[in-house]
């Protein structure tokens, strides 16, 4: 079963740019999700002292920028203090 989704023109163009020959948009999105899941799981594989481990954002300017733009950190579930 398929479901329609809305994406901005910019996002659509980026997805088109990622299409492999004979690939569907579903295939592109699945590839992107697989990469995202792999990156998100990196901190689970690495030790707690590794520099790529998730850390809270403590820089006030970085927090202010994220709050203003409504962005979230690159990795999910990163607490912002």
Protein backbone atom coordinates (compact mmCIF):
# COMPACT_ATOMS: atom_id res chain seq x y z
CA UNK A 1 0.00 0.00 0.00
CA UNK A 2 1.39 3.40 -0.91
CA UNK A 3 0.82 6.74 0.80
CA UNK A 4 1.29 10.17 -0.74
CA UNK A 5 3.64 12.56 1.04
CA UNK A 6 4.32 16.26 0.54
CA UNK A 7 7.84 17.55 0.09
CA UNK A 8 9.13 20.98 -0.82
CA UNK A 9 10.46 21.65 -4.30
CA UNK A 10 14.02 21.73 -2.91
CA UNK A 11 13.59 18.35 -1.26
CA UNK A 12 12.07 16.90 -4.41
CA UNK A 13 15.04 18.13 -6.47
CA UNK A 14 17.48 16.64 -3.99
CA UNK A 15 15.67 13.30 -4.13
CA UNK A 16 15.74 13.40 -7.94
CA UNK A 17 19.48 14.02 -7.76
CA UNK A 18 19.92 10.90 -5.61
CA UNK A 19 17.94 8.59 -7.88
CA UNK A 20 19.93 5.68 -9.28
CA UNK A 21 19.01 4.37 -12.74
CA UNK A 22 15.60 2.64 -12.62
CA UNK A 23 15.19 3.45 -8.90
CA UNK A 24 11.94 4.69 -7.39
CA UNK A 25 11.53 7.47 -4.85
CA UNK A 26 10.71 4.74 -2.33
CA UNK A 27 14.13 3.22 -3.00
CA UNK A 28 15.90 6.54 -2.49
CA UNK A 29 14.08 7.18 0.78
CA UNK A 30 14.88 3.64 2.01
CA UNK A 31 18.58 4.19 1.26
CA UNK A 32 18.55 7.52 3.11
CA UNK A 33 16.78 5.93 6.09
CA UNK A 34 19.32 3.10 6.21
CA UNK A 35 22.20 5.59 6.33
CA UNK A 36 20.40 7.62 9.01
CA UNK A 37 19.81 4.51 11.13
CA UNK A 38 23.45 3.46 10.76
CA UNK A 39 24.73 6.89 11.80
CA UNK A 40 22.26 7.03 14.69
CA UNK A 41 23.51 3.68 15.96
CA UNK A 42 27.18 4.66 15.84
CA UNK A 43 27.14 5.92 19.41
CA UNK A 44 25.70 2.60 20.58
CA UNK A 45 28.66 0.78 19.04
CA UNK A 46 31.35 3.19 20.24
CA UNK A 47 32.56 3.41 23.78
CA UNK A 48 31.31 6.20 26.04
CA UNK A 49 34.58 8.12 25.78
CA UNK A 50 34.70 8.16 21.97
CA UNK A 51 34.59 11.66 20.46
CA UNK A 52 31.60 10.77 18.27
CA UNK A 53 29.51 9.81 21.27
CA UNK A 54 26.40 11.95 21.72
CA UNK A 55 26.92 14.86 24.05
CA UNK A 56 24.56 17.56 25.24
CA UNK A 57 24.81 20.93 23.52
CA UNK A 58 26.00 23.34 26.17
CA UNK A 59 27.06 26.25 23.98
CA UNK A 60 24.38 28.93 24.47
CA UNK A 61 24.85 30.29 20.94
CA UNK A 62 24.40 26.85 19.39
CA UNK A 63 21.25 26.24 21.45
CA UNK A 64 19.89 29.65 20.50
CA UNK A 65 20.51 28.97 16.81
CA UNK A 66 18.79 25.58 16.98
CA UNK A 67 15.83 27.06 18.87
CA UNK A 68 15.48 29.94 16.42
CA UNK A 69 15.71 27.78 13.30
CA UNK A 70 13.67 24.95 14.77
CA UNK A 71 16.40 22.51 13.79
CA UNK A 72 17.26 19.45 15.72
CA UNK A 73 20.77 18.17 16.26
CA UNK A 74 22.21 15.83 13.65
CA UNK A 75 21.77 12.82 15.91
CA UNK A 76 18.39 12.11 17.50
CA UNK A 77 17.67 12.34 21.20
CA UNK A 78 20.57 14.67 21.94
CA UNK A 79 19.59 16.65 25.02
CA UNK A 80 19.95 20.41 24.73
CA UNK A 81 20.72 22.00 28.07
